Protein backbone atom coordinates (compact mmCIF):
# COMPACT_ATOMS: atom_id res chain seq x y z
CA MET A 1 163.07 164.32 -69.14
CA GLN A 2 161.36 164.06 -65.87
CA GLU A 3 160.10 160.65 -65.16
CA ARG A 4 156.31 160.02 -63.76
CA PRO A 5 155.65 158.19 -60.60
CA GLN A 6 154.84 154.53 -61.03
CA ARG A 7 151.56 153.17 -60.27
CA GLY A 8 151.52 151.83 -56.67
CA GLY A 9 154.01 154.31 -55.64
CA PHE A 10 153.99 157.06 -53.11
CA PHE A 11 150.49 157.98 -53.24
CA THR A 12 148.97 154.53 -53.16
CA ARG A 13 151.21 153.80 -50.23
CA SER A 14 150.02 156.75 -48.53
CA ARG A 15 146.21 155.88 -49.04
CA ARG A 16 147.05 152.34 -47.46
CA ARG A 17 148.60 153.90 -44.44
CA ARG A 18 145.57 155.92 -43.71
CA GLU A 19 143.16 152.88 -44.30
CA ARG A 20 145.52 150.89 -41.88
CA GLY A 21 145.10 153.58 -39.38
CA GLN A 22 141.27 153.81 -39.58
CA THR A 23 141.03 149.87 -39.35
CA ILE A 24 143.10 150.03 -36.10
CA ALA A 25 141.06 152.79 -34.77
CA LEU A 26 137.65 150.81 -35.53
CA ALA A 27 139.14 147.73 -34.03
CA ALA A 28 140.04 149.46 -30.81
CA ALA A 29 136.62 151.02 -30.64
CA ALA A 30 134.98 147.63 -31.19
CA GLY A 31 137.18 146.06 -28.57
CA VAL A 32 136.15 148.83 -26.11
CA LEU A 33 132.59 148.15 -26.92
CA CYS A 34 132.95 144.49 -26.32
CA ILE A 35 134.47 145.20 -22.92
CA VAL A 36 131.49 147.42 -22.09
CA LEU A 37 128.83 145.19 -23.17
CA SER A 38 130.58 142.19 -21.30
CA GLY A 39 130.79 144.47 -18.17
CA LEU A 40 127.12 145.26 -18.58
CA VAL A 41 126.08 141.58 -18.86
CA ILE A 42 128.19 140.82 -15.72
CA ASP A 43 126.71 143.60 -13.62
CA TYR A 44 123.28 142.65 -14.92
CA GLY A 45 123.66 139.12 -14.05
CA GLN A 46 124.92 139.94 -10.48
CA ALA A 47 122.08 142.31 -9.93
CA SER A 48 119.50 139.64 -11.05
CA SER A 49 121.00 137.11 -8.81
CA ASP A 50 121.04 139.41 -5.84
CA ARG A 51 117.29 140.47 -6.62
CA ARG A 52 116.46 136.74 -6.66
CA PHE A 53 118.05 136.33 -3.32
CA LEU A 54 116.09 139.24 -1.85
CA GLN A 55 112.79 137.92 -3.29
CA GLY A 56 113.31 134.70 -1.48
CA ILE A 57 113.84 136.48 1.78
CA ALA A 58 110.73 138.59 1.25
CA ASP A 59 108.79 135.50 0.38
CA ASP A 60 109.83 133.65 3.70
CA SER A 61 109.32 136.93 5.68
CA ALA A 62 105.63 137.49 4.46
CA ILE A 63 104.63 133.84 4.93
CA SER A 64 106.32 133.66 8.60
CA ALA A 65 104.62 136.94 9.63
CA ALA A 66 101.36 135.93 8.26
CA SER A 67 101.45 132.62 9.85
CA LEU A 68 102.15 134.02 13.24
CA VAL A 69 99.42 136.72 13.02
CA GLN A 70 97.01 133.82 11.92
CA ARG A 71 97.83 131.86 14.87
CA GLY A 72 97.00 134.61 17.16
CA GLN A 73 100.18 136.53 17.72
CA THR A 74 100.54 140.29 17.65
CA GLU A 75 101.96 142.41 14.94
CA SER A 76 105.15 143.07 17.13
CA VAL A 77 105.82 139.35 17.52
CA ALA A 78 105.49 138.93 13.64
CA THR A 79 107.81 141.80 13.11
CA SER A 80 110.50 140.50 15.30
CA ARG A 81 110.35 137.16 13.41
CA VAL A 82 110.97 139.03 10.22
CA ASN A 83 113.73 140.89 11.65
CA VAL A 84 115.27 137.48 12.67
CA ILE A 85 114.92 136.27 9.16
CA VAL A 86 116.49 139.18 7.42
CA GLY A 87 119.26 139.61 10.09
CA THR A 88 120.35 136.03 9.62
CA ASN A 89 120.73 136.83 5.83
CA ASN A 90 122.90 139.93 6.81
CA ILE A 91 120.17 142.52 5.84
CA ALA A 92 119.48 145.52 8.15
CA SER A 93 116.11 145.91 9.47
CA ASN A 94 115.88 149.40 7.98
CA ASN A 95 115.95 147.98 4.55
CA VAL A 96 112.72 146.02 5.32
CA THR A 97 109.15 147.44 5.29
CA ILE A 98 106.31 145.52 6.59
CA GLN A 99 102.63 146.41 6.37
CA TYR A 100 99.70 144.80 8.04
CA LEU A 101 96.56 145.15 6.06
CA ASP A 102 92.78 144.48 6.49
CA SER A 103 90.55 142.79 3.93
CA SER A 104 90.54 146.19 1.98
CA GLN A 105 94.17 146.43 1.73
CA VAL A 106 94.24 149.23 4.49
CA ALA A 107 96.72 149.32 7.12
CA THR A 108 95.75 148.23 10.53
CA ALA A 109 97.19 147.91 13.97
CA VAL A 110 94.68 145.26 14.96
CA ALA A 111 96.21 141.84 14.62
CA SER A 112 92.72 140.29 14.43
CA ASP A 113 91.93 142.43 11.54
CA VAL A 114 94.82 141.55 9.43
CA MET A 115 94.02 139.84 6.10
CA TYR A 116 97.39 140.44 4.18
CA VAL A 117 101.00 140.94 5.05
CA THR A 118 103.18 142.71 2.62
CA VAL A 119 107.16 142.59 2.88
CA THR A 120 109.41 144.67 0.87
CA VAL A 121 113.16 144.18 1.03
CA THR A 122 115.69 146.56 -0.57
CA GLY A 123 119.27 146.53 -1.13
CA THR A 124 122.16 147.63 -3.37
CA VAL A 125 124.70 145.75 -5.54
CA ASN A 126 128.22 147.26 -6.38
CA ASN A 127 128.66 147.48 -10.05
CA ARG A 128 132.00 146.31 -11.37
CA PHE A 129 131.86 147.93 -14.86
CA MET A 130 128.91 150.35 -14.79
CA SER A 131 130.77 152.60 -12.34
CA VAL A 132 133.14 153.37 -15.15
CA VAL A 133 130.17 155.51 -16.60
CA GLY A 134 129.12 156.98 -13.39
CA MET A 135 126.79 154.27 -11.92
CA PRO A 136 128.81 152.61 -8.99
CA THR A 137 125.52 150.83 -7.59
CA THR A 138 122.37 149.37 -8.64
CA ALA A 139 119.30 149.66 -6.38
CA LEU A 140 117.30 146.65 -5.64
CA SER A 141 113.85 145.90 -4.16
CA ALA A 142 111.73 142.67 -3.80
CA THR A 143 108.03 142.55 -2.56
CA ALA A 144 105.98 139.73 -1.39
CA GLN A 145 102.43 139.55 0.01
CA ALA A 146 100.90 136.63 2.07
CA LYS A 147 97.13 136.32 2.22
CA LEU A 148 95.94 134.73 5.73
CA ASN A 149 93.52 131.92 5.29
CA PRO A 150 91.69 131.97 8.81
CA PRO A 151 90.74 129.91 10.75
CA ARG A 152 93.33 127.20 10.46
CA MET A 153 94.94 124.49 12.34
CA PRO A 154 97.52 126.24 14.76
CA CYS A 155 100.26 123.47 14.40
CA LEU A 156 101.36 120.33 12.72
CA LEU A 157 103.26 118.93 15.85
CA CYS A 158 100.72 120.03 18.77
CA LEU A 159 101.94 119.13 22.28
CA LEU A 160 99.05 119.86 24.74
CA GLY A 161 100.79 119.16 28.02
CA THR A 162 101.17 122.35 30.17
CA SER A 163 103.99 121.25 32.55
CA GLY A 164 107.30 119.68 32.34
CA THR A 165 109.45 119.46 29.37
CA GLY A 166 107.16 119.51 26.24
CA ILE A 167 109.89 118.70 23.56
CA SER A 168 113.03 117.07 24.29
CA ILE A 169 115.67 116.30 21.64
CA GLN A 170 118.50 114.65 22.88
CA GLY A 171 121.64 112.84 21.40
CA ASN A 172 124.40 114.11 19.00
CA SER A 173 122.52 113.03 15.71
CA SER A 174 118.96 113.22 16.84
CA SER A 175 116.66 115.66 14.86
CA LEU A 176 113.14 116.46 14.65
CA THR A 177 112.12 118.24 11.42
CA VAL A 178 108.51 119.43 10.77
CA ASN A 179 107.93 120.57 7.02
CA ASN A 180 105.19 123.26 6.40
CA GLY A 181 103.78 123.67 9.83
CA ALA A 182 104.47 124.80 13.30
CA ILE A 183 105.75 122.96 16.42
CA ILE A 184 103.90 124.34 19.56
CA THR A 185 104.03 122.98 23.17
CA ASN A 186 101.73 124.41 25.81
CA SER A 187 104.27 123.63 28.50
CA THR A 188 105.02 126.73 30.75
CA SER A 189 107.95 125.20 32.29
CA ASN A 190 111.33 127.04 31.95
CA THR A 191 112.57 123.79 30.35
CA ALA A 192 109.38 123.71 27.82
CA ILE A 193 111.80 123.08 25.03
CA SER A 194 115.06 121.30 25.56
CA ALA A 195 117.14 120.97 22.11
CA GLY A 196 120.77 120.07 22.03
CA PRO A 197 122.90 118.53 21.03
CA GLY A 198 119.80 117.13 18.94
CA THR A 199 118.37 119.74 16.70
CA LEU A 200 114.55 120.94 16.12
CA THR A 201 113.52 122.47 13.01
CA SER A 202 110.35 123.91 11.67
CA THR A 203 110.42 124.77 7.88
CA GLY A 204 108.27 126.09 5.04
CA SER A 205 104.91 127.49 5.29
CA GLY A 206 103.81 128.20 8.63
CA ALA A 207 107.16 127.51 10.27
CA ALA A 208 107.37 128.34 13.98
CA ILE A 209 108.52 126.84 17.31
CA GLY A 210 106.44 128.13 20.32
CA TYR A 211 105.84 127.45 23.97
CA GLY A 212 103.48 128.52 26.77
CA THR A 213 103.65 131.96 28.24
CA GLY A 214 105.98 131.93 31.09
CA GLY A 215 107.75 128.93 29.77
CA GLY A 216 111.39 128.86 28.33
CA ALA A 217 113.57 127.14 25.68
CA SER A 218 117.13 125.70 25.78
CA CYS A 219 118.54 125.67 22.30
CA GLY A 220 122.25 125.85 22.79
CA ASN A 221 124.51 128.65 23.73
CA ALA A 222 123.93 130.48 20.40
CA GLY A 223 120.54 129.00 19.54
CA GLN A 224 122.19 126.67 17.18
CA TYR A 225 119.83 123.70 17.87
CA CYS A 226 116.49 125.40 17.09
CA ASN A 227 115.42 126.73 13.51
CA PRO A 228 113.69 129.05 13.60
CA TYR A 229 115.39 130.79 16.47
CA PRO A 230 114.29 132.08 18.94
CA PRO A 231 111.15 130.21 19.70
CA ILE A 232 108.21 132.27 20.62
CA ALA A 233 105.95 132.59 23.83
CA GLU A 234 102.53 131.83 22.48
CA THR A 235 99.89 134.28 23.85
CA THR A 236 97.35 131.70 24.43
CA PRO A 237 97.54 127.91 24.63
CA VAL A 238 96.94 125.76 21.68
CA SER A 239 93.48 124.14 22.31
CA ASP A 240 92.64 120.59 21.35
CA PRO A 241 92.06 120.77 17.60
CA PHE A 242 90.21 117.31 17.84
CA ALA A 243 88.13 117.87 20.95
CA GLY A 244 84.88 117.47 19.19
CA ILE A 245 85.48 114.08 17.62
CA ALA A 246 83.32 111.40 19.28
CA TYR A 247 84.67 108.12 20.69
CA PRO A 248 83.97 105.38 18.63
CA PRO A 249 80.71 103.33 19.31
CA TYR A 250 81.04 99.87 21.33
CA PRO A 251 81.80 97.10 18.97
CA GLY A 252 80.28 94.20 20.68
CA GLY A 253 81.76 90.74 20.74
CA SER A 254 84.18 89.21 23.08
CA LEU A 255 87.57 90.73 24.01
CA THR A 256 90.33 88.63 22.31
CA ALA A 257 94.03 88.58 21.96
CA SER A 258 95.77 88.34 18.72
CA SER A 259 99.41 87.09 18.06
CA CYS A 260 100.86 86.96 14.58
CA SER A 261 104.21 85.17 13.75
CA SER A 262 103.59 84.25 10.19
CA THR A 263 101.03 85.67 7.73
CA CYS A 264 97.80 86.68 9.43
CA THR A 265 94.55 88.48 8.63
CA ILE A 266 92.21 89.83 11.27
CA SER A 267 89.06 91.91 11.33
CA ALA A 268 87.92 95.05 13.18
CA GLY A 269 86.67 94.36 16.73
CA GLN A 270 87.79 94.80 20.49
CA TYR A 271 91.17 93.07 21.64
CA SER A 272 93.07 92.92 24.77
CA SER A 273 96.43 92.90 22.68
CA ILE A 274 97.71 92.68 19.23
CA THR A 275 101.40 91.45 18.84
CA VAL A 276 103.16 90.93 15.36
CA SER A 277 106.35 88.86 16.17
CA SER A 278 109.67 89.28 14.27
CA GLY A 279 109.10 88.23 10.63
CA GLY A 280 105.35 88.30 10.94
CA THR A 281 102.93 90.17 8.43
CA LEU A 282 99.63 91.39 9.76
CA HIS A 283 96.80 92.15 7.44
CA LEU A 284 94.25 94.39 8.80
CA ASN A 285 90.63 94.32 7.18
CA ALA A 286 89.18 97.80 7.22
CA GLY A 287 87.46 99.17 10.24
CA ILE A 288 88.00 100.13 13.89
CA TYR A 289 90.20 98.25 16.18
CA ILE A 290 89.69 98.92 19.85
CA ILE A 291 92.63 97.82 22.11
CA VAL A 292 91.61 97.69 25.61
CA GLY A 293 94.44 98.02 28.33
CA GLY A 294 96.90 96.43 26.22
CA MET A 295 99.45 96.68 23.51
CA PHE A 296 99.46 97.00 19.67
CA ASN A 297 103.00 95.78 19.40
CA VAL A 298 104.83 95.47 16.21
CA GLN A 299 108.23 93.84 17.16
CA GLY A 300 111.48 94.15 14.94
CA GLY A 301 112.96 91.80 12.62
CA SER A 302 111.10 92.66 9.25
CA SER A 303 107.67 92.57 10.80
CA SER A 304 104.93 94.44 9.02
CA VAL A 305 101.28 95.56 9.27
CA ASP A 306 99.18 96.86 6.36
CA CYS A 307 95.39 97.10 5.39
CA VAL A 308 93.75 94.47 3.15
CA SER A 309 93.10 95.82 -0.37
CA PRO A 310 91.06 97.63 -1.37
CA CYS A 311 91.28 99.61 1.80
CA THR A 312 88.83 102.27 0.96
CA ALA A 313 86.96 102.40 4.49
CA GLY A 314 90.36 102.57 6.11
CA VAL A 315 91.81 101.49 9.46
CA MET A 316 91.55 103.20 12.79
CA LEU A 317 93.32 102.04 15.99
CA PHE A 318 91.54 103.18 19.32
CA PHE A 319 93.42 102.87 22.69
CA THR A 320 91.48 102.66 25.97
CA CYS A 321 91.80 101.32 29.43
CA THR A 322 90.88 98.12 31.18
CA GLY A 323 87.25 98.19 32.20
CA TYR A 324 85.82 99.26 28.77
CA SER A 325 82.46 97.75 28.29
CA SER A 326 79.08 98.83 26.66
CA SER A 327 78.01 100.74 29.96
CA ASN A 328 81.53 102.25 30.57
CA LEU A 329 83.06 103.70 27.19
CA THR A 330 85.39 106.01 29.25
CA PRO A 331 87.19 103.95 31.69
CA CYS A 332 90.72 105.66 31.73
CA PRO A 333 91.82 106.95 35.21
CA ASN A 334 91.10 110.45 36.76
CA GLU A 335 88.18 111.32 34.27
CA SER A 336 86.32 113.23 36.91
CA SER A 337 83.97 116.16 37.06
CA ASN A 338 87.08 118.50 37.96
CA GLY A 339 88.74 117.41 34.85
CA ALA A 340 92.06 116.35 36.61
CA LYS A 341 94.10 114.20 34.34
CA THR A 342 96.96 111.74 35.11
CA SER A 343 100.32 112.74 33.94
CA ALA A 344 101.50 111.37 30.69
CA THR A 345 103.65 108.22 31.36
CA ALA A 346 107.33 109.09 30.89
CA CYS A 347 109.53 107.51 28.11
CA GLY A 348 111.77 104.80 29.42
CA ASN A 349 114.37 102.27 28.04
CA GLY A 350 113.86 98.98 26.29
CA ASN A 351 110.38 96.98 26.17
CA SER A 352 109.82 97.24 30.04
CA TRP A 353 108.08 100.74 29.82
CA GLN A 354 105.89 99.66 26.90
CA THR A 355 103.01 98.59 28.97
CA SER A 356 100.12 99.86 26.88
CA GLY A 357 99.29 101.66 23.76
CA PHE A 358 100.94 101.64 20.41
CA ALA A 359 104.55 100.43 19.87
CA THR A 360 106.90 99.60 16.96
CA GLN A 361 110.40 98.48 17.20
CA ALA A 362 113.46 98.38 14.77
CA ASN A 363 113.23 97.03 11.25
CA SER A 364 109.22 97.06 11.30
CA THR A 365 107.01 98.58 8.79
CA VAL A 366 103.35 100.09 9.73
CA ASN A 367 101.71 101.09 6.68
CA PHE A 368 97.75 101.09 6.96
CA ALA A 369 95.46 103.74 5.50
CA PRO A 370 93.08 105.67 7.44
CA ALA A 371 89.65 106.23 6.34
CA SER A 372 89.09 108.57 3.43
CA SER A 373 85.58 109.86 4.47
CA GLY A 374 83.22 109.76 7.40
CA THR A 375 83.64 110.84 11.21
CA TYR A 376 87.15 109.51 11.53
CA LYS A 377 88.44 110.64 8.08
CA GLY A 378 92.36 110.76 8.27
CA LEU A 379 92.61 109.56 11.86
CA GLY A 380 94.73 106.43 12.24
CA ILE A 381 95.64 106.35 16.00
CA PHE A 382 93.17 107.60 18.49
CA TYR A 383 93.78 107.27 22.23
CA ASP A 384 91.09 107.90 24.75
CA ARG A 385 91.72 111.57 25.91
CA TRP A 386 92.53 110.31 29.46
CA ASN A 387 94.76 107.52 28.52
CA PRO A 388 98.34 108.48 29.57
CA ALA A 389 100.11 105.58 27.88
CA PRO A 390 102.96 106.40 25.60
CA VAL A 391 102.93 106.09 21.83
CA SER A 392 106.27 104.40 21.48
CA ILE A 393 108.08 104.31 18.11
CA TYR A 394 111.27 102.55 18.68
CA GLY A 395 112.56 102.25 15.18
CA GLY A 396 110.67 101.07 12.34
CA THR A 397 108.71 103.13 9.83
CA ALA A 398 105.10 104.19 9.70
CA PRO A 399 104.87 106.58 6.80
CA ASN A 400 101.11 106.17 6.15
CA ILE A 401 99.04 105.90 9.40
CA GLY A 402 97.22 109.10 9.28
CA THR A 403 96.87 111.66 12.11
CA VAL A 404 98.23 110.40 15.62
CA TYR A 405 95.83 111.82 18.18
CA ALA A 406 96.78 111.03 21.86
CA PRO A 407 96.38 114.20 23.94
CA ASP A 408 97.17 112.81 27.24
CA SER A 409 100.26 110.68 26.05
CA GLN A 410 104.05 111.00 25.57
CA LEU A 411 105.40 110.41 21.96
CA CYS A 412 108.58 108.44 22.41
CA MET A 413 110.78 108.17 19.48
CA GLN A 414 114.15 106.37 18.45
CA GLY A 415 115.60 105.46 15.20
CA GLY A 416 114.94 107.20 11.99
CA SER A 417 111.89 107.37 9.90
CA SER A 418 109.50 109.88 7.76
CA TYR A 419 105.90 110.44 8.84
CA GLN A 420 103.07 111.98 6.78
CA SER A 421 101.04 112.69 10.03
CA THR A 422 99.65 115.49 12.11
CA LEU A 423 100.70 114.53 15.63
CA VAL A 424 98.67 115.79 18.64
CA VAL A 425 100.09 114.37 21.78
CA SER A 426 101.00 115.72 25.29
CA GLY A 427 104.73 115.92 24.70
CA ILE A 428 107.49 114.34 22.78
CA SER A 429 110.93 112.83 23.49
CA LEU A 430 113.63 111.95 20.84
CA SER A 431 116.72 109.80 21.86
CA GLY A 432 119.36 107.42 20.54
CA GLY A 433 120.07 109.18 17.34
CA ALA A 434 116.45 109.45 16.26
CA GLN A 435 116.03 111.44 12.90
CA ILE A 436 112.43 112.18 12.54
CA SER A 437 110.84 114.06 9.53
CA VAL A 438 107.14 115.00 9.71
CA ASP A 439 105.74 116.04 6.28
CA LEU A 440 102.01 116.30 6.14
CA THR A 441 100.10 114.61 3.35
CA GLN A 442 96.91 116.53 3.52
CA SER A 443 94.55 113.76 2.09
CA GLU A 444 95.83 111.28 4.70
CA ASN A 445 95.20 113.23 7.64
CA ILE A 446 92.32 114.65 9.70
CA TYR A 447 93.77 118.24 9.45
CA ALA A 448 91.30 119.73 11.90
CA ASP A 449 88.03 119.06 13.43
CA PRO A 450 85.20 120.91 11.32
CA THR A 451 83.48 121.81 14.58
CA ASN A 452 86.66 123.53 15.85
CA PRO A 453 87.18 127.16 14.80
CA VAL A 454 90.95 126.70 14.26
CA ALA A 455 90.33 124.69 10.97
CA GLY A 456 91.62 126.11 7.68
CA ALA A 457 94.57 126.28 5.52
CA ALA A 458 98.05 128.02 5.75
CA PRO A 459 98.70 131.53 4.35
CA ASN A 460 99.66 131.61 0.80
CA LEU A 461 101.59 134.04 -1.33
CA ILE A 462 99.70 136.22 -3.86
CA VAL A 463 102.45 138.64 -4.81
């Protein structure tokens, strides 16, 4: 008698083998799918990262080009600056498109008609996994558009002297950094800019370094001491942005000297000198202090100067020359009908050269607030336009003193500090490891004279 197959025998075993085979196939397919999806995620992440990189370059390029055109430069100069920016980031110039547009967003070759600058940067990213399915690369593109806001202040550090070295950055660790504004000297000397081994840097919105037409710049063999590089020859000199500001009225009263070695409080008026000795603390009542032919000297050793609270009317220091009186409000030398000025007094060493003007020394703090309204809003230090005495910051800090306006004076700096000021002087010299950062606080400065057509804001990104 033939036996029947037992349950769970041959037929059941065959079905189970088939099911196991199907499971293995499904698992293999799922594994492949996971690998593909992981590859897509990796490729997408790389493409997104590279696009953000291109967008940053497009943003910087549009702002830089717009800032140059707004300062009166040609489209050619602005395009050259963009090519430097993209070249520094290893992007070929043929991957960049620049459009200069008028107020109707129509292309124009007339720089004075430009209202918008559009920059598009393109590139490709090599795919690691998508190449398996026939997509070896992904095309990328980033666009930025900057709108000009003319007219505007041409520079944050404006150096009006036309001869000699306008900017000197010496010493291995010396550095001058201006954030969100241009550095421009009117000097036409072949050494108008001398940087190295100290560094000169302009960053952010409106970043640029410029010198007078016919001048030159020394930034190291490879340009490593200037950023951005190369500095640009300005088509026209920077005019004095504060030329329309009137001198303060004669204050009356007698000329006195003030010396503070402990804790002192003085009021506005005219002084032959004001000295804060080591360890002294000088409180200034709000008003205009006129220093005639002498120093406002803040010596080292934890000395300090501030404004008596509340200081809503602010403090301004005005420096003029010997001979100042109610009948002679402009006694500084060589103020003549032919406009001849004496050259700015050169920086020197130690205290011997600090013969007139404003001076701070190591371990001192000057922190008075300028006026918040009125004729002298934001103006903290004001030199007679013919006063050649230096502005001497030999160490110490002066974070909140408003705009420094000394158009015929050399700004001499040592030590390290941060300033929230617009600086308008004849020239600037850093030495002795000075590390200076200038970062404008708009509300604490007279950004531009409202009677001067260069007043206004920096370009801004709108795309």
